Structure formats: C-alpha cells, structure tokens
Amino acid sequence: MCNLLIILQFGAKMDDTLSTTQIFIFWGIIVLFIAAFIFFLIRTDRLIKTNEKLQSAQTQLNVANIGDEEAAAIALAIHMYKIEIHDMESLTITLKKVSRIYSPWSSKIYTLRQNPR
C-alpha cells in the first residue's frame, strides 16, 4: 500500500513518509471516485427502469390493438418456427470409405531420419 501512496509524492523517494495533507488528499480522491461511481450507477439504473416502463407501456398499447385472428396467426407462426428448429433426425450413421490416391510426398518411408550413405 505504501508503494501506491508514493504516487502522490512527485519526486519523492520510497523511504519518505507521507504527510497528513497528502493522506487526506489521497483518501479524498478515492472517496470522490466512489461517490461518482455510485452516482452514475444510480442514474443508469433509473434510466434503465424508465426505458423498461416506456417499452412495457408501448407493448401494452400494441397488444390492445391486435385482434384475435392476428394473435392466433402470430402464435401459429411461432409454434411452426419452433417445430422447424427441432427437426427429427434419423439416427442412421452412414460411413463412406474414401479412396485416396497414393502420394510419395506424404509417405513416411521417405523421411530423412536415417543416415543417407
């Protein structure tokens, strides 16, 4: 912690102690940053809540204007979409043997690990 506090002492050595004023300034800066963080956290939370309230109000207005036939069509479309996602696959696995042409470039017998004489 002492190393972190030395940052406030411009041109000071590691052996020097901090004065009381420097300690108060250091802790004041920390408290100021914490207060700013809490302020922005609360403000962001309020903005998110008001945005959610506006979206829910708009959704309720849009739902009130939808008729029964339109709601049934939307529900049917969602149902059909979910069924298409989970297609029934056959459980048969087909393995095909692929014949490869022999290539001396990939042959292990031509490696140079043995001493050439």
PDB file of N, CA and C in Angstrom:
ATOM      1  N   MET A   1       0.834  -1.190   0.000  1.00  0.00           N
ATOM      2  CA  MET A   1       0.000   0.000   0.000  1.00  0.00           C
ATOM      3  C   MET A   1       0.867   1.238   0.000  1.00  0.00           C
ATOM      4  N   CYS A   2       2.025   1.125   0.619  1.00  0.00           N
ATOM      5  CA  CYS A   2       2.933   2.268   0.680  1.00  0.00           C
ATOM      6  C   CYS A   2       3.380   2.658  -0.718  1.00  0.00           C
ATOM      7  N   ASN A   3       3.581   1.654  -1.595  1.00  0.00           N
ATOM      8  CA  ASN A   3       4.002   1.957  -2.961  1.00  0.00           C
ATOM      9  C   ASN A   3       2.934   2.729  -3.715  1.00  0.00           C
ATOM     10  N   LEU A   4       1.676   2.414  -3.456  1.00  0.00           N
ATOM     11  CA  LEU A   4       0.595   3.129  -4.120  1.00  0.00           C
ATOM     12  C   LEU A   4       0.488   4.566  -3.634  1.00  0.00           C
ATOM     13  N   LEU A   5       0.788   4.784  -2.376  1.00  0.00           N
ATOM     14  CA  LEU A   5       0.692   6.126  -1.827  1.00  0.00           C
ATOM     15  C   LEU A   5       1.827   7.019  -2.301  1.00  0.00           C
ATOM     16  N   ILE A   6       2.919   6.432  -2.708  1.00  0.00           N
ATOM     17  CA  ILE A   6       4.062   7.213  -3.161  1.00  0.00           C
ATOM     18  C   ILE A   6       3.740   7.936  -4.462  1.00  0.00           C
ATOM     19  N   ILE A   7       2.741   7.494  -5.187  1.00  0.00           N
ATOM     20  CA  ILE A   7       2.352   8.139  -6.442  1.00  0.00           C
ATOM     21  C   ILE A   7       2.041   9.614  -6.209  1.00  0.00           C
ATOM     22  N   LEU A   8       1.493   9.930  -5.058  1.00  0.00           N
ATOM     23  CA  LEU A   8       1.138  11.312  -4.774  1.00  0.00           C
ATOM     24  C   LEU A   8       2.350  12.184  -4.489  1.00  0.00           C
ATOM     25  N   GLN A   9       3.466  11.598  -4.206  1.00  0.00           N
ATOM     26  CA  GLN A   9       4.670  12.365  -3.894  1.00  0.00           C
ATOM     27  C   GLN A   9       5.525  12.472  -5.144  1.00  0.00           C
ATOM     28  N   PHE A  10       5.401  13.544  -5.844  1.00  0.00           N
ATOM     29  CA  PHE A  10       6.179  13.735  -7.061  1.00  0.00           C
ATOM     30  C   PHE A  10       7.621  14.022  -6.690  1.00  0.00           C
ATOM     31  N   GLY A  11       8.536  13.225  -7.185  1.00  0.00           N
ATOM     32  CA  GLY A  11       9.945  13.404  -6.913  1.00  0.00           C
ATOM     33  C   GLY A  11      10.368  12.901  -5.553  1.00  0.00           C
ATOM     34  N   ALA A  12       9.538  12.149  -4.874  1.00  0.00           N
ATOM     35  CA  ALA A  12       9.876  11.653  -3.544  1.00  0.00           C
ATOM     36  C   ALA A  12      10.533  10.288  -3.658  1.00  0.00           C
ATOM     37  N   LYS A  13      11.222   9.906  -2.639  1.00  0.00           N
ATOM     38  CA  LYS A  13      11.865   8.593  -2.584  1.00  0.00           C
ATOM     39  C   LYS A  13      10.940   7.614  -1.876  1.00  0.00           C
ATOM     40  N   MET A  14      11.266   6.334  -1.997  1.00  0.00           N
ATOM     41  CA  MET A  14      10.431   5.306  -1.372  1.00  0.00           C
ATOM     42  C   MET A  14      10.537   5.341   0.144  1.00  0.00           C
ATOM     43  N   ASP A  15      11.614   5.902   0.663  1.00  0.00           N
ATOM     44  CA  ASP A  15      11.805   5.934   2.117  1.00  0.00           C
ATOM     45  C   ASP A  15      10.995   7.037   2.786  1.00  0.00           C
ATOM     46  N   ASP A  16      10.608   8.055   2.023  1.00  0.00           N
ATOM     47  CA  ASP A  16       9.910   9.201   2.602  1.00  0.00           C
ATOM     48  C   ASP A  16       8.512   8.803   3.051  1.00  0.00           C
ATOM     49  N   THR A  17       8.077   9.382   4.154  1.00  0.00           N
ATOM     50  CA  THR A  17       6.727   9.127   4.646  1.00  0.00           C
ATOM     51  C   THR A  17       5.782  10.182   4.084  1.00  0.00           C
ATOM     52  N   LEU A  18       4.520   9.852   4.084  1.00  0.00           N
ATOM     53  CA  LEU A  18       3.512  10.781   3.585  1.00  0.00           C
ATOM     54  C   LEU A  18       3.112  11.744   4.687  1.00  0.00           C
ATOM     55  N   SER A  19       2.840  12.964   4.272  1.00  0.00           N
ATOM     56  CA  SER A  19       2.352  13.933   5.248  1.00  0.00           C
ATOM     57  C   SER A  19       0.851  13.730   5.433  1.00  0.00           C
ATOM     58  N   THR A  20       0.320  14.327   6.458  1.00  0.00           N
ATOM     59  CA  THR A  20      -1.113  14.202   6.749  1.00  0.00           C
ATOM     60  C   THR A  20      -1.943  14.797   5.624  1.00  0.00           C
ATOM     61  N   THR A  21      -1.490  15.890   5.056  1.00  0.00           N
ATOM     62  CA  THR A  21      -2.220  16.524   3.949  1.00  0.00           C
ATOM     63  C   THR A  21      -2.275  15.595   2.746  1.00  0.00           C
ATOM     64  N   GLN A  22      -1.177  14.953   2.433  1.00  0.00           N
ATOM     65  CA  GLN A  22      -1.165  14.035   1.300  1.00  0.00           C
ATOM     66  C   GLN A  22      -2.086  12.848   1.534  1.00  0.00           C
ATOM     67  N   ILE A  23      -2.146  12.358   2.735  1.00  0.00           N
ATOM     68  CA  ILE A  23      -3.036  11.238   3.053  1.00  0.00           C
ATOM     69  C   ILE A  23      -4.492  11.658   2.892  1.00  0.00           C
ATOM     70  N   PHE A  24      -4.849  12.870   3.376  1.00  0.00           N
ATOM     71  CA  PHE A  24      -6.227  13.352   3.215  1.00  0.00           C
ATOM     72  C   PHE A  24      -6.571  13.567   1.746  1.00  0.00           C
ATOM     73  N   ILE A  25      -5.631  14.083   0.973  1.00  0.00           N
ATOM     74  CA  ILE A  25      -5.886  14.278  -0.458  1.00  0.00           C
ATOM     75  C   ILE A  25      -6.092  12.929  -1.138  1.00  0.00           C
ATOM     76  N   PHE A  26      -5.255  11.974  -0.805  1.00  0.00           N
ATOM     77  CA  PHE A  26      -5.369  10.641  -1.393  1.00  0.00           C
ATOM     78  C   PHE A  26      -6.733  10.022  -1.090  1.00  0.00           C
ATOM     79  N   TRP A  27      -7.121  10.019   0.180  1.00  0.00           N
ATOM     80  CA  TRP A  27      -8.416   9.438   0.549  1.00  0.00           C
ATOM     81  C   TRP A  27      -9.579  10.263   0.016  1.00  0.00           C
ATOM     82  N   GLY A  28      -9.395  11.562  -0.097  1.00  0.00           N
ATOM     83  CA  GLY A  28     -10.436  12.400  -0.691  1.00  0.00           C
ATOM     84  C   GLY A  28     -10.682  12.041  -2.147  1.00  0.00           C
ATOM     85  N   ILE A  29      -9.594  11.788  -2.884  1.00  0.00           N
ATOM     86  CA  ILE A  29      -9.738  11.383  -4.287  1.00  0.00           C
ATOM     87  C   ILE A  29     -10.443  10.040  -4.383  1.00  0.00           C
ATOM     88  N   ILE A  30     -10.102   9.112  -3.506  1.00  0.00           N
ATOM     89  CA  ILE A  30     -10.754   7.793  -3.518  1.00  0.00           C
ATOM     90  C   ILE A  30     -12.239   7.924  -3.216  1.00  0.00           C
ATOM     91  N   VAL A  31     -12.586   8.701  -2.213  1.00  0.00           N
ATOM     92  CA  VAL A  31     -13.999   8.897  -1.861  1.00  0.00           C
ATOM     93  C   VAL A  31     -14.743   9.589  -2.999  1.00  0.00           C
ATOM     94  N   LEU A  32     -14.086  10.537  -3.662  1.00  0.00           N
ATOM     95  CA  LEU A  32     -14.712  11.234  -4.793  1.00  0.00           C
ATOM     96  C   LEU A  32     -14.999  10.255  -5.927  1.00  0.00           C
ATOM     97  N   PHE A  33     -14.057   9.369  -6.246  1.00  0.00           N
ATOM     98  CA  PHE A  33     -14.284   8.380  -7.299  1.00  0.00           C
ATOM     99  C   PHE A  33     -15.399   7.413  -6.925  1.00  0.00           C
ATOM    100  N   ILE A  34     -15.448   7.002  -5.674  1.00  0.00           N
ATOM    101  CA  ILE A  34     -16.515   6.090  -5.231  1.00  0.00           C
ATOM    102  C   ILE A  34     -17.878   6.778  -5.322  1.00  0.00           C
ATOM    103  N   ALA A  35     -17.943   8.048  -4.911  1.00  0.00           N
ATOM    104  CA  ALA A  35     -19.210   8.785  -4.984  1.00  0.00           C
ATOM    105  C   ALA A  35     -19.647   8.966  -6.434  1.00  0.00           C
ATOM    106  N   ALA A  36     -18.703   9.260  -7.334  1.00  0.00           N
ATOM    107  CA  ALA A  36     -19.043   9.415  -8.754  1.00  0.00           C
ATOM    108  C   ALA A  36     -19.545   8.094  -9.332  1.00  0.00           C
ATOM    109  N   PHE A  37     -18.901   6.993  -8.944  1.00  0.00           N
ATOM    110  CA  PHE A  37     -19.337   5.681  -9.418  1.00  0.00           C
ATOM    111  C   PHE A  37     -20.753   5.361  -8.949  1.00  0.00           C
ATOM    112  N   ILE A  38     -21.037   5.620  -7.672  1.00  0.00           N
ATOM    113  CA  ILE A  38     -22.381   5.360  -7.137  1.00  0.00           C
ATOM    114  C   ILE A  38     -23.403   6.258  -7.817  1.00  0.00           C
ATOM    115  N   PHE A  39     -23.052   7.527  -8.065  1.00  0.00           N
ATOM    116  CA  PHE A  39     -23.969   8.453  -8.738  1.00  0.00           C
ATOM    117  C   PHE A  39     -24.325   7.934 -10.134  1.00  0.00           C
ATOM    118  N   PHE A  40     -23.318   7.540 -10.915  1.00  0.00           N
ATOM    119  CA  PHE A  40     -23.586   7.051 -12.263  1.00  0.00           C
ATOM    120  C   PHE A  40     -24.305   5.710 -12.245  1.00  0.00           C
ATOM    121  N   LEU A  41     -24.039   4.893 -11.234  1.00  0.00           N
ATOM    122  CA  LEU A  41     -24.739   3.623 -11.114  1.00  0.00           C
ATOM    123  C   LEU A  41     -26.229   3.834 -10.850  1.00  0.00           C
ATOM    124  N   ILE A  42     -26.543   4.743  -9.934  1.00  0.00           N
ATOM    125  CA  ILE A  42     -27.946   5.039  -9.625  1.00  0.00           C
ATOM    126  C   ILE A  42     -28.632   5.681 -10.824  1.00  0.00           C
ATOM    127  N   ARG A  43     -27.937   6.598 -11.485  1.00  0.00           N
ATOM    128  CA  ARG A  43     -28.536   7.286 -12.632  1.00  0.00           C
ATOM    129  C   ARG A  43     -28.790   6.300 -13.773  1.00  0.00           C
ATOM    130  N   THR A  44     -27.861   5.407 -14.026  1.00  0.00           N
ATOM    131  CA  THR A  44     -28.044   4.412 -15.080  1.00  0.00           C
ATOM    132  C   THR A  44     -29.196   3.476 -14.736  1.00  0.00           C
ATOM    133  N   ASP A  45     -29.309   3.100 -13.480  1.00  0.00           N
ATOM    134  CA  ASP A  45     -30.408   2.234 -13.057  1.00  0.00           C
ATOM    135  C   ASP A  45     -31.750   2.923 -13.285  1.00  0.00           C
ATOM    136  N   ARG A  46     -31.835   4.199 -12.969  1.00  0.00           N
ATOM    137  CA  ARG A  46     -33.085   4.944 -13.197  1.00  0.00           C
ATOM    138  C   ARG A  46     -33.411   5.027 -14.681  1.00  0.00           C
ATOM    139  N   LEU A  47     -32.393   5.268 -15.517  1.00  0.00           N
ATOM    140  CA  LEU A  47     -32.632   5.343 -16.959  1.00  0.00           C
ATOM    141  C   LEU A  47     -33.116   4.013 -17.508  1.00  0.00           C
ATOM    142  N   ILE A  48     -32.546   2.927 -17.029  1.00  0.00           N
ATOM    143  CA  ILE A  48     -32.964   1.603 -17.497  1.00  0.00           C
ATOM    144  C   ILE A  48     -34.400   1.320 -17.070  1.00  0.00           C
ATOM    145  N   LYS A  49     -34.745   1.669 -15.834  1.00  0.00           N
ATOM    146  CA  LYS A  49     -36.110   1.422 -15.354  1.00  0.00           C
ATOM    147  C   LYS A  49     -37.130   2.249 -16.134  1.00  0.00           C
ATOM    148  N   THR A  50     -36.816   3.511 -16.404  1.00  0.00           N
ATOM    149  CA  THR A  50     -37.766   4.326 -17.170  1.00  0.00           C
ATOM    150  C   THR A  50     -37.882   3.806 -18.598  1.00  0.00           C
ATOM    151  N   ASN A  51     -36.789   3.344 -19.170  1.00  0.00           N
ATOM    152  CA  ASN A  51     -36.841   2.787 -20.511  1.00  0.00           C
ATOM    153  C   ASN A  51     -37.686   1.516 -20.546  1.00  0.00           C
ATOM    154  N   GLU A  52     -37.544   0.667 -19.516  1.00  0.00           N
ATOM    155  CA  GLU A  52     -38.368  -0.546 -19.444  1.00  0.00           C
ATOM    156  C   GLU A  52     -39.840  -0.207 -19.274  1.00  0.00           C
ATOM    157  N   LYS A  53     -40.145   0.829 -18.489  1.00  0.00           N
ATOM    158  CA  LYS A  53     -41.537   1.232 -18.305  1.00  0.00           C
ATOM    159  C   LYS A  53     -42.129   1.730 -19.613  1.00  0.00           C
ATOM    160  N   LEU A  54     -41.357   2.509 -20.372  1.00  0.00           N
ATOM    161  CA  LEU A  54     -41.844   3.004 -21.655  1.00  0.00           C
ATOM    162  C   LEU A  54     -42.074   1.863 -22.635  1.00  0.00           C
ATOM    163  N   GLN A  55     -41.161   0.913 -22.668  1.00  0.00           N
ATOM    164  CA  GLN A  55     -41.321  -0.223 -23.575  1.00  0.00           C
ATOM    165  C   GLN A  55     -42.512  -1.082 -23.190  1.00  0.00           C
ATOM    166  N   SER A  56     -42.727  -1.294 -21.896  1.00  0.00           N
ATOM    167  CA  SER A  56     -43.869  -2.105 -21.480  1.00  0.00           C
ATOM    168  C   SER A  56     -45.179  -1.380 -21.786  1.00  0.00           C
ATOM    169  N   ALA A  57     -45.188  -0.050 -21.630  1.00  0.00           N
ATOM    170  CA  ALA A  57     -46.397   0.716 -21.963  1.00  0.00           C
ATOM    171  C   ALA A  57     -46.675   0.646 -23.460  1.00  0.00           C
ATOM    172  N   GLN A  58     -45.639   0.734 -24.283  1.00  0.00           N
ATOM    173  CA  GLN A  58     -45.832   0.643 -25.726  1.00  0.00           C
ATOM    174  C   GLN A  58     -46.296  -0.755 -26.116  1.00  0.00           C
ATOM    175  N   THR A  59     -45.765  -1.765 -25.462  1.00  0.00           N
ATOM    176  CA  THR A  59     -46.171  -3.140 -25.753  1.00  0.00           C
ATOM    177  C   THR A  59     -47.628  -3.347 -25.381  1.00  0.00           C
ATOM    178  N   GLN A  60     -48.055  -2.796 -24.252  1.00  0.00           N
ATOM    179  CA  GLN A  60     -49.451  -2.940 -23.839  1.00  0.00           C
ATOM    180  C   GLN A  60     -50.373  -2.231 -24.819  1.00  0.00           C
ATOM    181  N   LEU A  61     -49.956  -1.079 -25.334  1.00  0.00           N
ATOM    182  CA  LEU A  61     -50.773  -0.385 -26.322  1.00  0.00           C
ATOM    183  C   LEU A  61     -50.860  -1.188 -27.613  1.00  0.00           C
ATOM    184  N   ASN A  62     -49.749  -1.795 -28.025  1.00  0.00           N
ATOM    185  CA  ASN A  62     -49.743  -2.584 -29.252  1.00  0.00           C
ATOM    186  C   ASN A  62     -50.561  -3.862 -29.091  1.00  0.00           C
ATOM    187  N   VAL A  63     -50.517  -4.475 -27.917  1.00  0.00           N
ATOM    188  CA  VAL A  63     -51.282  -5.699 -27.673  1.00  0.00           C
ATOM    189  C   VAL A  63     -52.775  -5.391 -27.680  1.00  0.00           C
ATOM    190  N   ALA A  64     -53.155  -4.224 -27.189  1.00  0.00           N
ATOM    191  CA  ALA A  64     -54.572  -3.875 -27.144  1.00  0.00           C
ATOM    192  C   ALA A  64     -55.141  -3.708 -28.546  1.00  0.00           C
ATOM    193  N   ASN A  65     -54.324  -3.355 -29.524  1.00  0.00           N
ATOM    194  CA  ASN A  65     -54.803  -3.129 -30.888  1.00  0.00           C
ATOM    195  C   ASN A  65     -54.836  -4.397 -31.728  1.00  0.00           C
ATOM    196  N   ILE A  66     -54.287  -5.501 -31.240  1.00  0.00           N
ATOM    197  CA  ILE A  66     -54.246  -6.739 -32.022  1.00  0.00           C
ATOM    198  C   ILE A  66     -55.549  -7.500 -31.814  1.00  0.00           C
ATOM    199  N   GLY A  67     -56.105  -7.958 -32.922  1.00  0.00           N
ATOM    200  CA  GLY A  67     -57.335  -8.731 -32.862  1.00  0.00           C
ATOM    201  C   GLY A  67     -57.056 -10.190 -32.552  1.00  0.00           C
ATOM    202  N   ASP A  68     -58.138 -10.968 -32.377  1.00  0.00           N
ATOM    203  CA  ASP A  68     -57.998 -12.385 -32.045  1.00  0.00           C
ATOM    204  C   ASP A  68     -57.371 -13.178 -33.184  1.00  0.00           C
ATOM    205  N   GLU A  69     -57.794 -12.880 -34.432  1.00  0.00           N
ATOM    206  CA  GLU A  69     -57.242 -13.614 -35.574  1.00  0.00           C
ATOM    207  C   GLU A  69     -55.752 -13.333 -35.735  1.00  0.00           C
ATOM    208  N   GLU A  70     -55.358 -12.087 -35.536  1.00  0.00           N
ATOM    209  CA  GLU A  70     -53.933 -11.731 -35.675  1.00  0.00           C
ATOM    210  C   GLU A  70     -53.099 -12.396 -34.590  1.00  0.00           C
ATOM    211  N   ALA A  71     -53.635 -12.435 -33.367  1.00  0.00           N
ATOM    212  CA  ALA A  71     -52.919 -13.095 -32.273  1.00  0.00           C
ATOM    213  C   ALA A  71     -52.785 -14.592 -32.547  1.00  0.00           C
ATOM    214  N   ALA A  72     -53.834 -15.217 -33.080  1.00  0.00           N
ATOM    215  CA  ALA A  72     -53.779 -16.644 -33.406  1.00  0.00           C
ATOM    216  C   ALA A  72     -52.764 -16.902 -34.515  1.00  0.00           C
ATOM    217  N   ALA A  73     -52.681 -16.020 -35.498  1.00  0.00           N
ATOM    218  CA  ALA A  73     -51.713 -16.186 -36.589  1.00  0.00           C
ATOM    219  C   ALA A  73     -50.284 -16.055 -36.073  1.00  0.00           C
ATOM    220  N   ILE A  74     -50.062 -15.115 -35.173  1.00  0.00           N
ATOM    221  CA  ILE A  74     -48.727 -14.946 -34.601  1.00  0.00           C
ATOM    222  C   ILE A  74     -48.344 -16.166 -33.774  1.00  0.00           C
ATOM    223  N   ALA A  75     -49.270 -16.662 -32.968  1.00  0.00           N
ATOM    224  CA  ALA A  75     -48.992 -17.844 -32.145  1.00  0.00           C
ATOM    225  C   ALA A  75     -48.708 -19.055 -33.020  1.00  0.00           C
ATOM    226  N   LEU A  76     -49.461 -19.229 -34.112  1.00  0.00           N
ATOM    227  CA  LEU A  76     -49.241 -20.346 -35.024  1.00  0.00           C
ATOM    228  C   LEU A  76     -47.870 -20.233 -35.700  1.00  0.00           C
ATOM    229  N   ALA A  77     -47.500 -19.020 -36.093  1.00  0.00           N
ATOM    230  CA  ALA A  77     -46.191 -18.814 -36.732  1.00  0.00           C
ATOM    231  C   ALA A  77     -45.052 -19.142 -35.767  1.00  0.00           C
ATOM    232  N   ILE A  78     -45.182 -18.721 -34.523  1.00  0.00           N
ATOM    233  CA  ILE A  78     -44.146 -19.026 -33.526  1.00  0.00           C
ATOM    234  C   ILE A  78     -44.077 -20.527 -33.285  1.00  0.00           C
ATOM    235  N   HIS A  79     -45.228 -21.177 -33.191  1.00  0.00           N
ATOM    236  CA  HIS A  79     -45.270 -22.623 -32.981  1.00  0.00           C
ATOM    237  C   HIS A  79     -44.616 -23.366 -34.148  1.00  0.00           C
ATOM    238  N   MET A  80     -44.934 -22.990 -35.370  1.00  0.00           N
ATOM    239  CA  MET A  80     -44.357 -23.646 -36.548  1.00  0.00           C
ATOM    240  C   MET A  80     -42.851 -23.403 -36.623  1.00  0.00           C
ATOM    241  N   TYR A  81     -42.414 -22.211 -36.251  1.00  0.00           N
ATOM    242  CA  TYR A  81     -40.984 -21.898 -36.256  1.00  0.00           C
ATOM    243  C   TYR A  81     -40.227 -22.774 -35.263  1.00  0.00           C
ATOM    244  N   LYS A  82     -40.805 -22.971 -34.073  1.00  0.00           N
ATOM    245  CA  LYS A  82     -40.138 -23.796 -33.068  1.00  0.00           C
ATOM    246  C   LYS A  82     -40.112 -25.267 -33.476  1.00  0.00           C
ATOM    247  N   ILE A  83     -41.121 -25.727 -34.169  1.00  0.00           N
ATOM    248  CA  ILE A  83     -41.135 -27.111 -34.641  1.00  0.00           C
ATOM    249  C   ILE A  83     -40.065 -27.308 -35.713  1.00  0.00           C
ATOM    250  N   GLU A  84     -39.883 -26.335 -36.602  1.00  0.00           N
ATOM    251  CA  GLU A  84     -38.881 -26.457 -37.654  1.00  0.00           C
ATOM    252  C   GLU A  84     -37.466 -26.452 -37.090  1.00  0.00           C
ATOM    253  N   ILE A  85     -37.262 -25.792 -35.989  1.00  0.00           N
ATOM    254  CA  ILE A  85     -35.931 -25.757 -35.386  1.00  0.00           C
ATOM    255  C   ILE A  85     -35.535 -27.147 -34.906  1.00  0.00           C
ATOM    256  N   HIS A  86     -36.475 -27.879 -34.352  1.00  0.00           N
ATOM    257  CA  HIS A  86     -36.194 -29.193 -33.779  1.00  0.00           C
ATOM    258  C   HIS A  86     -36.678 -30.284 -34.727  1.00  0.00           C
ATOM    259  N   ASP A  87     -36.041 -30.388 -35.887  1.00  0.00           N
ATOM    260  CA  ASP A  87     -36.391 -31.452 -36.820  1.00  0.00           C
ATOM    261  C   ASP A  87     -35.992 -32.795 -36.240  1.00  0.00           C
ATOM    262  N   MET A  88     -36.769 -33.810 -36.555  1.00  0.00           N
ATOM    263  CA  MET A  88     -36.425 -35.164 -36.144  1.00  0.00           C
ATOM    264  C   MET A  88     -35.395 -35.701 -37.126  1.00  0.00           C
ATOM    265  N   GLU A  89     -34.240 -36.000 -36.634  1.00  0.00           N
ATOM    266  CA  GLU A  89     -33.176 -36.527 -37.467  1.00  0.00           C
ATOM    267  C   GLU A  89     -33.201 -38.050 -37.400  1.00  0.00           C
ATOM    268  N   SER A  90     -32.830 -38.667 -38.511  1.00  0.00           N
ATOM    269  CA  SER A  90     -32.727 -40.122 -38.477  1.00  0.00           C
ATOM    270  C   SER A  90     -31.463 -40.481 -37.708  1.00  0.00           C
ATOM    271  N   LEU A  91     -31.512 -41.575 -36.998  1.00  0.00           N
ATOM    272  CA  LEU A  91     -30.396 -41.968 -36.168  1.00  0.00           C
ATOM    273  C   LEU A  91     -29.448 -42.914 -36.899  1.00  0.00           C
ATOM    274  N   THR A  92     -29.472 -42.919 -38.223  1.00  0.00           N
ATOM    275  CA  THR A  92     -28.619 -43.776 -39.020  1.00  0.00           C
ATOM    276  C   THR A  92     -27.348 -43.016 -39.376  1.00  0.00           C
ATOM    277  N   ILE A  93     -26.216 -43.635 -39.112  1.00  0.00           N
ATOM    278  CA  ILE A  93     -24.935 -43.036 -39.450  1.00  0.00           C
ATOM    279  C   ILE A  93     -24.372 -43.793 -40.645  1.00  0.00           C
ATOM    280  N   THR A  94     -24.054 -43.084 -41.690  1.00  0.00           N
ATOM    281  CA  THR A  94     -23.516 -43.692 -42.893  1.00  0.00           C
ATOM    282  C   THR A  94     -22.054 -43.310 -43.020  1.00  0.00           C
ATOM    283  N   LEU A  95     -21.198 -44.318 -43.100  1.00  0.00           N
ATOM    284  CA  LEU A  95     -19.770 -44.085 -43.266  1.00  0.00           C
ATOM    285  C   LEU A  95     -19.375 -44.486 -44.674  1.00  0.00           C
ATOM    286  N   LYS A  96     -18.711 -43.595 -45.367  1.00  0.00           N
ATOM    287  CA  LYS A  96     -18.239 -43.888 -46.714  1.00  0.00           C
ATOM    288  C   LYS A  96     -16.725 -43.933 -46.687  1.00  0.00           C
ATOM    289  N   LYS A  97     -16.180 -44.985 -47.288  1.00  0.00           N
ATOM    290  CA  LYS A  97     -14.733 -45.095 -47.352  1.00  0.00           C
ATOM    291  C   LYS A  97     -14.267 -44.307 -48.559  1.00  0.00           C
ATOM    292  N   VAL A  98     -13.340 -43.404 -48.311  1.00  0.00           N
ATOM    293  CA  VAL A  98     -12.823 -42.571 -49.379  1.00  0.00           C
ATOM    294  C   VAL A  98     -11.479 -43.130 -49.791  1.00  0.00           C
ATOM    295  N   SER A  99     -11.358 -43.474 -51.047  1.00  0.00           N
ATOM    296  CA  SER A  99     -10.070 -43.978 -51.521  1.00  0.00           C
ATOM    297  C   SER A  99      -9.206 -42.793 -51.926  1.00  0.00           C
ATOM    298  N   ARG A 100      -8.009 -42.787 -51.386  1.00  0.00           N
ATOM    299  CA  ARG A 100      -7.095 -41.694 -51.684  1.00  0.00           C
ATOM    300  C   ARG A 100      -5.982 -42.208 -52.586  1.00  0.00           C
ATOM    301  N   ILE A 101      -5.582 -41.362 -53.447  1.00  0.00           N
ATOM    302  CA  ILE A 101      -4.505 -41.728 -54.355  1.00  0.00           C
ATOM    303  C   ILE A 101      -3.193 -41.696 -53.579  1.00  0.00           C
ATOM    304  N   TYR A 102      -2.340 -42.707 -53.826  1.00  0.00           N
ATOM    305  CA  TYR A 102      -1.058 -42.781 -53.125  1.00  0.00           C
ATOM    306  C   TYR A 102      -0.167 -41.629 -53.580  1.00  0.00           C
ATOM    307  N   SER A 103       0.438 -40.959 -52.617  1.00  0.00           N
ATOM    308  CA  SER A 103       1.347 -39.869 -52.914  1.00  0.00           C
ATOM    309  C   SER A 103       2.640 -40.083 -52.135  1.00  0.00           C
ATOM    310  N   PRO A 104       3.780 -40.129 -52.815  1.00  0.00           N
ATOM    311  CA  PRO A 104       5.040 -40.327 -52.094  1.00  0.00           C
ATOM    312  C   PRO A 104       5.405 -39.124 -51.228  1.00  0.00           C
ATOM    313  N   TRP A 105       4.794 -37.985 -51.470  1.00  0.00           N
ATOM    314  CA  TRP A 105       5.102 -36.802 -50.671  1.00  0.00           C
ATOM    315  C   TRP A 105       4.658 -36.973 -49.222  1.00  0.00           C
ATOM    316  N   SER A 106       3.623 -37.741 -48.999  1.00  0.00           N
ATOM    317  CA  SER A 106       3.140 -37.936 -47.642  1.00  0.00           C
ATOM    318  C   SER A 106       3.555 -39.282 -47.055  1.00  0.00           C
ATOM    319  N   SER A 107       4.388 -40.029 -47.748  1.00  0.00           N
ATOM    320  CA  SER A 107       4.801 -41.342 -47.279  1.00  0.00           C
ATOM    321  C   SER A 107       5.853 -41.217 -46.189  1.00  0.00           C
ATOM    322  N   LYS A 108       5.735 -42.047 -45.178  1.00  0.00           N
ATOM    323  CA  LYS A 108       6.672 -41.999 -44.057  1.00  0.00           C
ATOM    324  C   LYS A 108       7.979 -42.720 -44.360  1.00  0.00           C
ATOM    325  N   ILE A 109       7.990 -43.556 -45.360  1.00  0.00           N
ATOM    326  CA  ILE A 109       9.213 -44.313 -45.641  1.00  0.00           C
ATOM    327  C   ILE A 109      10.279 -43.451 -46.294  1.00  0.00           C
ATOM    328  N   TYR A 110       9.920 -42.287 -46.790  1.00  0.00           N
ATOM    329  CA  TYR A 110      10.884 -41.417 -47.454  1.00  0.00           C
ATOM    330  C   TYR A 110      11.399 -40.302 -46.545  1.00  0.00           C
ATOM    331  N   THR A 111      11.192 -40.427 -45.270  1.00  0.00           N
ATOM    332  CA  THR A 111      11.698 -39.395 -44.369  1.00  0.00           C
ATOM    333  C   THR A 111      13.202 -39.522 -44.234  1.00  0.00           C
ATOM    334  N   LEU A 112      13.869 -38.441 -43.833  1.00  0.00           N
ATOM    335  CA  LEU A 112      15.324 -38.417 -43.750  1.00  0.00           C
ATOM    336  C   LEU A 112      15.813 -38.592 -42.326  1.00  0.00           C
ATOM    337  N   ARG A 113      15.241 -39.496 -41.604  1.00  0.00           N
ATOM    338  CA  ARG A 113      15.702 -39.730 -40.239  1.00  0.00           C
ATOM    339  C   ARG A 113      16.873 -40.698 -40.201  1.00  0.00           C
ATOM    340  N   GLN A 114      16.988 -41.497 -41.199  1.00  0.00           N
ATOM    341  CA  GLN A 114      18.113 -42.419 -41.269  1.00  0.00           C
ATOM    342  C   GLN A 114      19.298 -41.711 -41.929  1.00  0.00           C
ATOM    343  N   ASN A 115      20.500 -42.180 -41.624  1.00  0.00           N
ATOM    344  CA  ASN A 115      21.683 -41.586 -42.236  1.00  0.00           C
ATOM    345  C   ASN A 115      21.763 -42.005 -43.700  1.00  0.00           C
ATOM    346  N   PRO A 116      21.772 -41.047 -44.598  1.00  0.00           N
ATOM    347  CA  PRO A 116      21.938 -41.435 -46.018  1.00  0.00           C
ATOM    348  C   PRO A 116      23.410 -41.806 -46.265  1.00  0.00           C
ATOM    349  N   ARG A 117      23.690 -42.968 -46.921  1.00  0.00           N
ATOM    350  CA  ARG A 117      25.062 -43.392 -47.177  1.00  0.00           C
ATOM    351  C   ARG A 117      25.353 -43.500 -48.623  1.00  0.00           C
TER     352      ARG A 117
END
